N, C-alpha and C. Protein backbone atom coordinates (compact mmCIF):
# COMPACT_ATOMS: atom_id res chain seq x y z
N MET A 1 111.22 122.37 145.40
CA MET A 1 112.54 121.90 145.07
C MET A 1 113.15 122.88 144.07
N ALA A 2 114.30 123.45 144.43
CA ALA A 2 114.96 124.43 143.57
C ALA A 2 116.07 123.74 142.79
N LEU A 3 115.84 123.55 141.52
CA LEU A 3 116.86 122.91 140.68
C LEU A 3 117.11 123.79 139.47
N PRO A 4 118.27 123.79 138.91
CA PRO A 4 119.42 123.00 139.34
C PRO A 4 120.05 123.56 140.61
N ALA A 5 120.71 122.67 141.33
CA ALA A 5 121.45 123.06 142.53
C ALA A 5 122.86 122.51 142.38
N SER A 6 123.83 123.28 142.85
CA SER A 6 125.20 122.79 142.76
C SER A 6 126.07 123.51 143.77
N PHE A 7 127.20 122.89 144.06
CA PHE A 7 128.22 123.57 144.84
C PHE A 7 129.58 123.04 144.46
N ASP A 8 130.56 123.91 144.56
CA ASP A 8 131.96 123.57 144.32
C ASP A 8 132.73 123.88 145.59
N VAL A 9 133.65 123.01 145.92
CA VAL A 9 134.54 123.23 147.04
C VAL A 9 135.95 122.96 146.55
N THR A 10 136.83 123.94 146.72
CA THR A 10 138.24 123.76 146.38
C THR A 10 139.03 124.09 147.63
N PHE A 11 139.92 123.18 148.02
CA PHE A 11 140.68 123.40 149.24
C PHE A 11 142.00 122.66 149.19
N ALA A 12 142.92 123.07 150.05
CA ALA A 12 144.19 122.36 150.18
C ALA A 12 143.87 120.97 150.72
N PRO A 13 144.49 119.94 150.16
CA PRO A 13 144.15 118.58 150.55
C PRO A 13 144.40 118.32 152.05
N THR A 14 143.33 118.03 152.76
CA THR A 14 143.41 117.66 154.16
C THR A 14 142.21 116.78 154.49
N THR A 15 142.47 115.70 155.19
CA THR A 15 141.38 114.77 155.51
C THR A 15 140.38 115.36 156.50
N ARG A 16 140.77 116.37 157.27
CA ARG A 16 139.86 116.99 158.23
C ARG A 16 138.65 117.62 157.55
N ILE A 17 138.82 118.10 156.35
CA ILE A 17 137.74 118.77 155.63
C ILE A 17 136.74 117.76 155.04
N VAL A 18 137.18 116.55 154.77
CA VAL A 18 136.33 115.56 154.09
C VAL A 18 135.03 115.32 154.85
N SER A 19 135.10 115.12 156.16
CA SER A 19 133.89 114.87 156.95
C SER A 19 132.98 116.08 157.01
N VAL A 20 133.56 117.27 157.05
CA VAL A 20 132.76 118.50 157.05
C VAL A 20 131.98 118.61 155.75
N VAL A 21 132.66 118.36 154.64
CA VAL A 21 132.00 118.44 153.33
C VAL A 21 130.93 117.36 153.20
N ARG A 22 131.21 116.17 153.74
CA ARG A 22 130.20 115.11 153.69
C ARG A 22 128.92 115.54 154.40
N ARG A 23 129.04 116.13 155.57
CA ARG A 23 127.86 116.58 156.31
C ARG A 23 127.10 117.66 155.54
N PHE A 24 127.83 118.58 154.93
CA PHE A 24 127.19 119.63 154.14
C PHE A 24 126.44 119.01 152.95
N ALA A 25 127.11 118.09 152.25
CA ALA A 25 126.48 117.43 151.10
C ALA A 25 125.24 116.66 151.53
N MET A 26 125.34 115.96 152.65
CA MET A 26 124.20 115.19 153.17
C MET A 26 123.01 116.10 153.41
N SER A 27 123.26 117.25 154.00
CA SER A 27 122.19 118.21 154.26
C SER A 27 121.53 118.67 152.96
N LEU A 28 122.33 118.94 151.95
CA LEU A 28 121.79 119.34 150.64
C LEU A 28 120.96 118.22 150.03
N TYR A 29 121.52 117.00 150.03
CA TYR A 29 120.79 115.86 149.46
C TYR A 29 119.46 115.65 150.18
N GLU A 30 119.47 115.71 151.51
CA GLU A 30 118.23 115.49 152.28
C GLU A 30 117.17 116.53 151.93
N ARG A 31 117.59 117.77 151.83
CA ARG A 31 116.65 118.85 151.57
C ARG A 31 116.02 118.71 150.19
N ILE A 32 116.82 118.37 149.19
CA ILE A 32 116.31 118.32 147.82
C ILE A 32 115.63 116.99 147.51
N LEU A 33 116.23 115.88 147.95
CA LEU A 33 115.71 114.56 147.57
C LEU A 33 114.60 114.04 148.48
N GLU A 34 114.56 114.53 149.72
CA GLU A 34 113.55 114.08 150.67
C GLU A 34 113.54 112.56 150.79
N ASP A 35 114.73 111.97 150.82
CA ASP A 35 114.89 110.52 150.91
C ASP A 35 116.16 110.26 151.72
N ASP A 36 115.98 109.85 152.98
CA ASP A 36 117.11 109.69 153.88
C ASP A 36 118.11 108.63 153.40
N GLU A 37 117.60 107.51 152.91
CA GLU A 37 118.49 106.44 152.48
C GLU A 37 119.32 106.86 151.26
N MET A 38 118.67 107.43 150.26
CA MET A 38 119.39 107.88 149.08
C MET A 38 120.36 108.99 149.43
N SER A 39 119.95 109.90 150.30
CA SER A 39 120.84 110.98 150.73
C SER A 39 122.08 110.42 151.41
N SER A 40 121.89 109.42 152.23
CA SER A 40 123.02 108.78 152.92
C SER A 40 123.96 108.11 151.92
N GLN A 41 123.41 107.43 150.93
CA GLN A 41 124.23 106.78 149.91
C GLN A 41 125.03 107.80 149.11
N LEU A 42 124.40 108.91 148.75
CA LEU A 42 125.10 109.94 147.99
C LEU A 42 126.17 110.63 148.84
N ALA A 43 125.89 110.80 150.13
CA ALA A 43 126.90 111.36 151.03
C ALA A 43 128.09 110.42 151.15
N LEU A 44 127.83 109.12 151.18
CA LEU A 44 128.90 108.12 151.19
C LEU A 44 129.75 108.26 149.93
N ALA A 45 129.11 108.36 148.78
CA ALA A 45 129.85 108.49 147.52
C ALA A 45 130.68 109.77 147.52
N THR A 46 130.10 110.86 148.00
CA THR A 46 130.82 112.13 148.08
C THR A 46 132.06 111.96 148.95
N HIS A 47 131.89 111.34 150.10
CA HIS A 47 132.99 111.12 151.04
C HIS A 47 134.09 110.26 150.41
N GLU A 48 133.72 109.13 149.82
CA GLU A 48 134.71 108.21 149.24
C GLU A 48 135.51 108.89 148.12
N LEU A 49 134.81 109.59 147.24
CA LEU A 49 135.51 110.25 146.13
C LEU A 49 136.44 111.35 146.63
N LEU A 50 135.94 112.13 147.56
CA LEU A 50 136.75 113.23 148.08
C LEU A 50 137.95 112.71 148.88
N GLU A 51 137.74 111.67 149.64
CA GLU A 51 138.84 111.07 150.41
C GLU A 51 139.95 110.58 149.47
N ASN A 52 139.57 109.94 148.35
CA ASN A 52 140.57 109.50 147.37
C ASN A 52 141.30 110.69 146.75
N ALA A 53 140.55 111.72 146.39
CA ALA A 53 141.17 112.90 145.77
C ALA A 53 142.19 113.54 146.71
N VAL A 54 141.85 113.61 147.98
CA VAL A 54 142.77 114.19 148.96
C VAL A 54 143.98 113.28 149.16
N LYS A 55 143.73 112.00 149.27
CA LYS A 55 144.79 111.03 149.55
C LYS A 55 145.86 111.00 148.46
N TYR A 56 145.45 111.10 147.21
CA TYR A 56 146.38 110.93 146.09
C TYR A 56 146.78 112.24 145.42
N ASN A 57 146.39 113.37 145.99
CA ASN A 57 146.69 114.67 145.42
C ASN A 57 148.17 115.03 145.62
N ILE A 58 148.76 115.64 144.59
CA ILE A 58 150.16 116.08 144.69
C ILE A 58 150.25 117.60 144.56
N ASP A 59 149.15 118.29 144.74
CA ASP A 59 149.09 119.73 144.51
C ASP A 59 148.50 120.43 145.72
N GLU A 60 148.29 121.72 145.57
CA GLU A 60 147.74 122.56 146.64
C GLU A 60 146.22 122.58 146.67
N ALA A 61 145.56 121.96 145.70
CA ALA A 61 144.11 122.07 145.64
C ALA A 61 143.44 120.77 145.23
N THR A 62 142.31 120.52 145.86
CA THR A 62 141.42 119.43 145.51
C THR A 62 140.07 120.06 145.21
N LEU A 63 139.42 119.62 144.15
CA LEU A 63 138.12 120.18 143.76
C LEU A 63 137.04 119.12 143.92
N LEU A 64 135.93 119.52 144.49
CA LEU A 64 134.72 118.71 144.53
C LEU A 64 133.62 119.55 143.91
N ARG A 65 132.88 118.95 143.01
CA ARG A 65 131.72 119.63 142.40
C ARG A 65 130.53 118.67 142.47
N VAL A 66 129.45 119.14 143.07
CA VAL A 66 128.22 118.36 143.16
C VAL A 66 127.14 119.14 142.44
N THR A 67 126.43 118.47 141.53
CA THR A 67 125.31 119.11 140.83
C THR A 67 124.09 118.20 140.89
N LEU A 68 122.96 118.82 141.03
CA LEU A 68 121.67 118.14 140.97
C LEU A 68 120.85 118.88 139.93
N THR A 69 120.49 118.19 138.85
CA THR A 69 119.75 118.81 137.75
C THR A 69 118.54 117.96 137.38
N PRO A 70 117.51 118.58 136.85
CA PRO A 70 116.37 117.79 136.39
C PRO A 70 116.81 116.87 135.24
N HIS A 71 116.27 115.68 135.23
CA HIS A 71 116.55 114.75 134.14
C HIS A 71 115.91 115.31 132.88
N SER A 72 116.62 115.24 131.76
CA SER A 72 116.13 115.85 130.53
C SER A 72 114.87 115.18 129.97
N GLU A 73 114.68 113.89 130.27
CA GLU A 73 113.53 113.17 129.71
C GLU A 73 112.43 112.88 130.73
N SER A 74 112.77 112.92 132.00
CA SER A 74 111.79 112.58 133.03
C SER A 74 111.79 113.68 134.09
N LEU A 75 110.74 114.46 134.12
CA LEU A 75 110.67 115.56 135.06
C LEU A 75 110.60 115.10 136.51
N SER A 76 110.29 113.82 136.74
CA SER A 76 110.19 113.32 138.11
C SER A 76 111.53 112.79 138.63
N GLU A 77 112.58 112.85 137.81
CA GLU A 77 113.88 112.35 138.24
C GLU A 77 114.92 113.47 138.24
N ILE A 78 115.91 113.28 139.08
CA ILE A 78 117.02 114.22 139.21
C ILE A 78 118.31 113.47 138.90
N VAL A 79 119.19 114.12 138.17
CA VAL A 79 120.52 113.57 137.91
C VAL A 79 121.47 114.20 138.92
N VAL A 80 122.10 113.33 139.72
CA VAL A 80 123.08 113.77 140.70
C VAL A 80 124.46 113.41 140.15
N THR A 81 125.33 114.42 140.07
CA THR A 81 126.69 114.20 139.58
C THR A 81 127.66 114.69 140.64
N ILE A 82 128.60 113.82 140.99
CA ILE A 82 129.65 114.15 141.95
C ILE A 82 130.97 114.04 141.20
N ARG A 83 131.74 115.12 141.20
CA ARG A 83 133.03 115.14 140.51
C ARG A 83 134.13 115.54 141.48
N THR A 84 135.25 114.86 141.38
CA THR A 84 136.44 115.31 142.08
C THR A 84 137.54 115.48 141.05
N ARG A 85 138.40 116.45 141.28
CA ARG A 85 139.52 116.71 140.37
C ARG A 85 140.74 117.03 141.22
N ASN A 86 141.84 116.39 140.85
CA ASN A 86 143.10 116.65 141.54
C ASN A 86 144.26 116.25 140.63
N ARG A 87 145.42 116.76 140.99
CA ARG A 87 146.65 116.34 140.31
C ARG A 87 147.17 115.11 141.04
N ALA A 88 147.75 114.19 140.28
CA ALA A 88 148.26 112.94 140.86
C ALA A 88 149.49 112.49 140.09
N THR A 89 150.24 111.58 140.68
CA THR A 89 151.40 111.02 139.99
C THR A 89 150.92 110.18 138.82
N ALA A 90 151.78 109.98 137.85
CA ALA A 90 151.44 109.15 136.69
C ALA A 90 151.06 107.74 137.14
N GLU A 91 151.77 107.21 138.13
CA GLU A 91 151.47 105.87 138.64
C GLU A 91 150.07 105.81 139.25
N ASN A 92 149.73 106.79 140.07
CA ASN A 92 148.40 106.79 140.70
C ASN A 92 147.29 107.00 139.68
N ILE A 93 147.56 107.75 138.64
CA ILE A 93 146.56 107.92 137.57
C ILE A 93 146.34 106.59 136.85
N ARG A 94 147.42 105.88 136.55
CA ARG A 94 147.29 104.57 135.89
C ARG A 94 146.51 103.60 136.77
N ILE A 95 146.79 103.60 138.06
CA ILE A 95 146.09 102.70 138.99
C ILE A 95 144.61 103.07 139.04
N ALA A 96 144.30 104.36 139.15
CA ALA A 96 142.90 104.80 139.19
C ALA A 96 142.18 104.42 137.90
N GLU A 97 142.83 104.63 136.78
CA GLU A 97 142.23 104.27 135.49
C GLU A 97 141.90 102.78 135.43
N ARG A 98 142.84 101.94 135.89
CA ARG A 98 142.62 100.49 135.89
C ARG A 98 141.46 100.12 136.82
N LEU A 99 141.47 100.67 138.04
CA LEU A 99 140.44 100.34 139.01
C LEU A 99 139.06 100.80 138.56
N ILE A 100 138.97 102.00 138.03
CA ILE A 100 137.67 102.51 137.58
C ILE A 100 137.15 101.67 136.42
N THR A 101 138.03 101.30 135.52
CA THR A 101 137.62 100.44 134.40
C THR A 101 137.10 99.10 134.91
N GLN A 102 137.78 98.51 135.89
CA GLN A 102 137.33 97.24 136.46
C GLN A 102 135.97 97.40 137.14
N VAL A 103 135.81 98.46 137.91
CA VAL A 103 134.54 98.71 138.61
C VAL A 103 133.42 98.90 137.58
N ARG A 104 133.70 99.68 136.58
CA ARG A 104 132.70 99.99 135.55
C ARG A 104 132.29 98.75 134.77
N GLU A 105 133.23 97.86 134.51
CA GLU A 105 132.96 96.69 133.68
C GLU A 105 132.48 95.46 134.47
N ALA A 106 132.47 95.54 135.78
CA ALA A 106 132.05 94.39 136.59
C ALA A 106 130.59 94.05 136.29
N GLU A 107 130.34 92.77 135.98
CA GLU A 107 128.98 92.34 135.69
C GLU A 107 128.09 92.42 136.92
N ASP A 108 128.65 92.08 138.07
CA ASP A 108 127.92 92.14 139.33
C ASP A 108 128.71 93.04 140.28
N PRO A 109 128.35 94.33 140.38
CA PRO A 109 129.12 95.26 141.20
C PRO A 109 129.26 94.83 142.66
N PHE A 110 128.21 94.23 143.23
CA PHE A 110 128.29 93.82 144.63
C PHE A 110 129.28 92.67 144.80
N MET A 111 129.25 91.70 143.90
CA MET A 111 130.19 90.57 143.96
C MET A 111 131.62 91.06 143.76
N PHE A 112 131.81 91.99 142.85
CA PHE A 112 133.14 92.56 142.61
C PHE A 112 133.64 93.25 143.88
N TYR A 113 132.78 93.99 144.54
CA TYR A 113 133.12 94.66 145.79
C TYR A 113 133.54 93.63 146.85
N GLN A 114 132.78 92.55 146.96
CA GLN A 114 133.12 91.50 147.92
C GLN A 114 134.49 90.88 147.62
N GLN A 115 134.78 90.67 146.35
CA GLN A 115 136.09 90.12 145.96
C GLN A 115 137.21 91.08 146.33
N LEU A 116 136.99 92.37 146.11
CA LEU A 116 138.01 93.36 146.47
C LEU A 116 138.25 93.41 147.98
N ILE A 117 137.21 93.21 148.76
CA ILE A 117 137.37 93.18 150.21
C ILE A 117 138.33 92.07 150.59
N GLU A 118 138.16 90.90 150.00
CA GLU A 118 139.04 89.76 150.30
C GLU A 118 140.48 90.04 149.86
N VAL A 119 140.64 90.56 148.66
CA VAL A 119 141.98 90.84 148.11
C VAL A 119 142.67 91.95 148.89
N SER A 120 141.92 92.94 149.32
CA SER A 120 142.51 94.11 149.96
C SER A 120 143.04 93.84 151.36
N ALA A 121 142.71 92.69 151.91
CA ALA A 121 143.25 92.35 153.22
C ALA A 121 144.78 92.35 153.19
N ASP A 122 145.35 91.99 152.04
CA ASP A 122 146.80 91.96 151.89
C ASP A 122 147.38 93.29 151.41
N GLU A 123 146.59 94.08 150.68
CA GLU A 123 147.06 95.35 150.13
C GLU A 123 145.97 96.41 150.23
N PRO A 124 145.75 96.94 151.43
CA PRO A 124 144.63 97.88 151.60
C PRO A 124 144.85 99.26 151.00
N GLN A 125 146.07 99.65 150.71
CA GLN A 125 146.34 101.02 150.27
C GLN A 125 145.73 101.38 148.93
N ARG A 126 145.79 100.50 147.97
CA ARG A 126 145.30 100.83 146.61
C ARG A 126 144.31 99.79 146.14
N SER A 127 143.36 99.50 146.96
CA SER A 127 142.45 98.40 146.70
C SER A 127 141.32 98.75 145.74
N GLY A 128 140.92 100.01 145.69
CA GLY A 128 139.76 100.39 144.90
C GLY A 128 138.46 100.14 145.63
N LEU A 129 138.56 99.83 146.92
CA LEU A 129 137.35 99.53 147.69
C LEU A 129 136.33 100.67 147.68
N GLY A 130 136.80 101.89 147.82
CA GLY A 130 135.88 103.02 147.84
C GLY A 130 135.09 103.14 146.55
N LEU A 131 135.78 103.00 145.43
CA LEU A 131 135.10 103.08 144.13
C LEU A 131 134.13 101.92 143.94
N ALA A 132 134.56 100.72 144.31
CA ALA A 132 133.69 99.55 144.19
C ALA A 132 132.49 99.68 145.12
N ARG A 133 132.71 100.24 146.30
CA ARG A 133 131.62 100.42 147.25
C ARG A 133 130.57 101.39 146.71
N ILE A 134 131.04 102.47 146.10
CA ILE A 134 130.11 103.44 145.50
C ILE A 134 129.23 102.73 144.47
N ARG A 135 129.86 101.97 143.60
CA ARG A 135 129.13 101.29 142.52
C ARG A 135 128.16 100.25 143.08
N ALA A 136 128.63 99.47 144.07
CA ALA A 136 127.82 98.39 144.63
C ALA A 136 126.66 98.90 145.48
N GLU A 137 126.92 99.92 146.29
CA GLU A 137 125.91 100.36 147.25
C GLU A 137 125.01 101.48 146.74
N THR A 138 125.46 102.24 145.77
CA THR A 138 124.65 103.37 145.29
C THR A 138 124.16 103.18 143.87
N GLU A 139 124.71 102.21 143.17
CA GLU A 139 124.39 101.95 141.77
C GLU A 139 124.72 103.14 140.87
N MET A 140 125.62 104.00 141.32
CA MET A 140 126.05 105.13 140.50
C MET A 140 126.98 104.62 139.40
N THR A 141 126.97 105.29 138.27
CA THR A 141 127.97 105.02 137.26
C THR A 141 129.23 105.78 137.65
N ILE A 142 130.38 105.23 137.28
CA ILE A 142 131.64 105.88 137.61
C ILE A 142 132.45 106.00 136.33
N ASP A 143 132.98 107.18 136.10
CA ASP A 143 133.78 107.43 134.92
C ASP A 143 134.94 108.34 135.31
N PHE A 144 135.79 108.64 134.36
CA PHE A 144 136.94 109.51 134.64
C PHE A 144 137.39 110.19 133.37
N THR A 145 138.09 111.31 133.56
CA THR A 145 138.81 111.95 132.47
C THR A 145 140.21 112.25 132.99
N ILE A 146 141.15 112.24 132.08
CA ILE A 146 142.55 112.52 132.42
C ILE A 146 143.05 113.59 131.48
N GLU A 147 143.63 114.63 132.06
CA GLU A 147 144.26 115.70 131.28
C GLU A 147 145.63 115.95 131.89
N GLY A 148 146.67 115.44 131.25
CA GLY A 148 148.02 115.59 131.79
C GLY A 148 148.13 114.87 133.11
N ASP A 149 148.44 115.62 134.17
CA ASP A 149 148.57 115.00 135.49
C ASP A 149 147.34 115.24 136.36
N GLU A 150 146.21 115.63 135.73
CA GLU A 150 144.96 115.81 136.46
C GLU A 150 143.99 114.68 136.14
N ILE A 151 143.35 114.20 137.18
CA ILE A 151 142.32 113.19 136.99
C ILE A 151 141.02 113.71 137.59
N GLU A 152 139.96 113.53 136.83
CA GLU A 152 138.63 113.88 137.31
C GLU A 152 137.83 112.58 137.37
N ILE A 153 137.27 112.30 138.53
CA ILE A 153 136.44 111.12 138.69
C ILE A 153 135.00 111.59 138.82
N ILE A 154 134.11 110.94 138.07
CA ILE A 154 132.72 111.37 137.98
C ILE A 154 131.81 110.22 138.37
N ALA A 155 130.98 110.43 139.37
CA ALA A 155 129.96 109.45 139.75
C ALA A 155 128.60 110.09 139.46
N ARG A 156 127.71 109.31 138.88
CA ARG A 156 126.43 109.88 138.45
C ARG A 156 125.29 108.88 138.73
N ALA A 157 124.14 109.43 139.14
CA ALA A 157 122.95 108.61 139.38
C ALA A 157 121.71 109.39 139.01
N GLN A 158 120.68 108.67 138.61
CA GLN A 158 119.35 109.23 138.41
C GLN A 158 118.52 108.81 139.60
N VAL A 159 117.89 109.77 140.25
CA VAL A 159 117.11 109.45 141.44
C VAL A 159 115.75 110.13 141.37
N ARG A 160 114.81 109.56 142.11
CA ARG A 160 113.49 110.17 142.26
C ARG A 160 113.40 110.75 143.66
N PRO A 161 113.12 112.04 143.75
CA PRO A 161 112.95 112.63 145.09
C PRO A 161 111.87 111.88 145.87
N GLY A 162 112.19 111.55 147.10
CA GLY A 162 111.23 110.88 147.97
C GLY A 162 110.90 109.46 147.57
N GLY A 163 111.72 108.87 146.67
CA GLY A 163 111.40 107.53 146.20
C GLY A 163 112.61 106.69 145.88
N GLU A 164 112.40 105.75 145.02
CA GLU A 164 113.42 104.77 144.64
C GLU A 164 114.37 105.33 143.59
N PRO A 165 115.63 104.84 143.55
CA PRO A 165 116.57 105.27 142.50
C PRO A 165 116.18 104.71 141.16
């Protein structure tokens, strides 16, 4: 296992690229983690975050950065970090900030995800389902930073190669 491993992808926002990047990320996760289920979950998170970044981008570029590094305290664990960065309208940044805070603070991420599914039937466009799904299904932490009109969304997990998260 060669760590640290990382890749950055910057491209003009287009949904056609999202699936290609997901497949590439899945291949990297499978090779390093040797765990098909965890690799699939991380590929899902990569896809959801990148799809949101593309959907709400108001600029010529969307950034995805994936890093896999050894955990500083446990040599048997890897920290996987998925970051997306894009420019967005002030309204979309406020909505993302609210949704991420709700997802992060939910006592039961799976129950929160189920509630969002019900609510989103009436308003599917800005439901936060993708973020809630990442938290519920992958147990990744989700955070964000905002600098002017740029938002960076960060999902992070500690995983054991070939084993349980």
